Amino acid sequence: MDRLHETVCHLVSLAGSYSPGIILEAEQVVDIYLTAFSGYPARRAALDALLDELASPVNRAFNRGGLFEQIELHLQRRHREIARLFQ
């Protein structure tokens, strides 16, 4: 199983068992996924791939409590941080 698929599966399972505070665990999953990539182009591609997977209708069907929208906000913050870091 590749890293992207594994991350998406973990996020989908978190969304399925949504409870208050689960966003912190989801953010950790995303951050662990991103640390596997070095350099701006690789991390940007990883961010885009994760956003695309979360936006797919198959995965959106499991989105409960707006978890994916919160993850997308986290990814936007991470992108800004990565852009500053690699300038």
Protein backbone atom coordinates (compact mmCIF):
# COMPACT_ATOMS: atom_id res chain seq x y z
CA MET A 1 0.00 0.00 0.00
CA ASP A 2 1.47 3.38 -0.91
CA ARG A 3 1.82 6.23 1.53
CA LEU A 4 -0.96 8.36 0.00
CA HIS A 5 -3.49 5.53 0.02
CA GLU A 6 -2.56 4.61 3.59
CA THR A 7 -2.99 8.24 4.72
CA VAL A 8 -6.35 8.62 2.97
CA CYS A 9 -7.60 5.35 4.50
CA HIS A 10 -6.58 6.54 7.95
CA LEU A 11 -8.33 9.89 7.46
CA VAL A 12 -11.48 8.19 6.14
CA SER A 13 -11.54 5.93 9.19
CA LEU A 14 -11.16 8.95 11.47
CA ALA A 15 -14.02 10.67 9.65
CA GLY A 16 -16.17 7.58 10.11
CA SER A 17 -15.65 7.64 13.85
CA TYR A 18 -15.84 11.41 14.10
CA SER A 19 -15.81 12.81 17.60
CA PRO A 20 -14.85 16.19 19.04
CA GLY A 21 -11.10 16.70 18.99
CA ILE A 22 -10.45 14.13 16.25
CA ILE A 23 -9.01 16.92 14.09
CA LEU A 24 -5.83 16.86 16.20
CA GLU A 25 -5.25 13.23 15.33
CA ALA A 26 -6.08 13.91 11.68
CA GLU A 27 -3.56 16.78 11.60
CA GLN A 28 -0.91 14.44 13.01
CA VAL A 29 -1.66 11.90 10.29
CA VAL A 30 -1.26 14.62 7.64
CA ASP A 31 1.96 15.92 9.18
CA ILE A 32 3.48 12.42 9.31
CA TYR A 33 2.55 11.93 5.65
CA LEU A 34 4.20 15.22 4.65
CA THR A 35 7.45 14.53 6.53
CA ALA A 36 8.14 11.67 4.13
CA PHE A 37 8.74 14.20 1.35
CA SER A 38 11.70 16.56 1.16
CA GLY A 39 11.94 19.74 -0.81
CA TYR A 40 9.23 22.12 -1.87
CA PRO A 41 8.24 20.44 -5.16
CA ALA A 42 7.81 17.03 -3.53
CA ARG A 43 5.82 18.36 -0.58
CA ARG A 44 3.66 20.50 -2.84
CA ALA A 45 2.90 17.48 -5.02
CA ALA A 46 2.08 15.43 -1.90
CA LEU A 47 -0.27 18.18 -0.65
CA ASP A 48 -2.02 18.39 -4.01
CA ALA A 49 -2.39 14.61 -4.25
CA LEU A 50 -3.90 14.43 -0.76
CA LEU A 51 -6.31 17.28 -1.50
CA ASP A 52 -7.38 15.55 -4.73
CA GLU A 53 -8.01 12.27 -2.91
CA LEU A 54 -10.03 13.95 -0.16
CA ALA A 55 -12.11 15.75 -2.79
CA SER A 56 -13.06 12.56 -4.62
CA PRO A 57 -16.75 11.64 -4.34
CA VAL A 58 -15.87 8.17 -3.06
CA ASN A 59 -14.00 9.60 -0.07
CA ARG A 60 -16.37 12.55 0.43
CA ALA A 61 -19.16 10.06 1.15
CA PHE A 62 -17.38 9.23 4.42
CA ASN A 63 -16.86 12.85 5.50
CA ARG A 64 -18.63 13.38 8.81
CA GLY A 65 -18.67 16.49 10.93
CA GLY A 66 -16.74 18.51 8.36
CA LEU A 67 -13.47 16.73 9.12
CA PHE A 68 -12.21 16.91 5.54
CA GLU A 69 -12.87 20.66 5.41
CA GLN A 70 -10.82 21.07 8.58
CA ILE A 71 -8.05 18.94 7.10
CA GLU A 72 -8.11 21.09 3.95
CA LEU A 73 -7.61 24.19 6.10
CA HIS A 74 -4.70 22.47 7.83
CA LEU A 75 -3.19 21.61 4.44
CA GLN A 76 -3.50 25.24 3.34
CA ARG A 77 -1.63 26.34 6.49
CA ARG A 78 1.03 23.70 5.86
CA HIS A 79 1.44 24.89 2.27
CA ARG A 80 2.07 28.46 3.43
CA GLU A 81 4.62 27.21 5.97
CA ILE A 82 6.36 25.02 3.40
CA ALA A 83 6.48 27.88 0.88
CA ARG A 84 8.11 30.15 3.46
CA LEU A 85 10.52 27.43 4.58
CA PHE A 86 11.78 26.67 1.09
CA GLN A 87 12.08 30.26 -0.20
